[in-house]
Amino acid sequence: MPRTRPPYPPRFRKAIVLLVKNGKSVSELADIFEPAAATIRNWIEKAEDGTAMKRLDGHEQEELRRLKEKNEVLVEVVRLLISEAGSSGSS
């Protein structure tokens, strides 16, 4: 009878998918963290087509909101710096 185990937690699956997207190989991660390479490829496929990992818990929703706000501020700062650099360079 095949060995069964509880499902991997969603945060673990997300982390593995992010590692692959950042250049780690599926086979390397399968060797290190134990899910089969085919399992990892399924997680990637589901993440790419949006069928999995859609729900965020309350803490994750708050963190996402906070990071989006921070990103907006940083984008505005970069725009201002670029604008200042352009006007000081032309004088």
Foldseek 3Di string as FASTA:
>chain_A
DDDDDDDDDLVVLVVLLVVVVVPDDLVVCCVVVPDDSVVNVVSNVCVVVVVDDPDDPPVVVVVVVVVVVVVVVVVVVVVVVVVVVVVVVVD
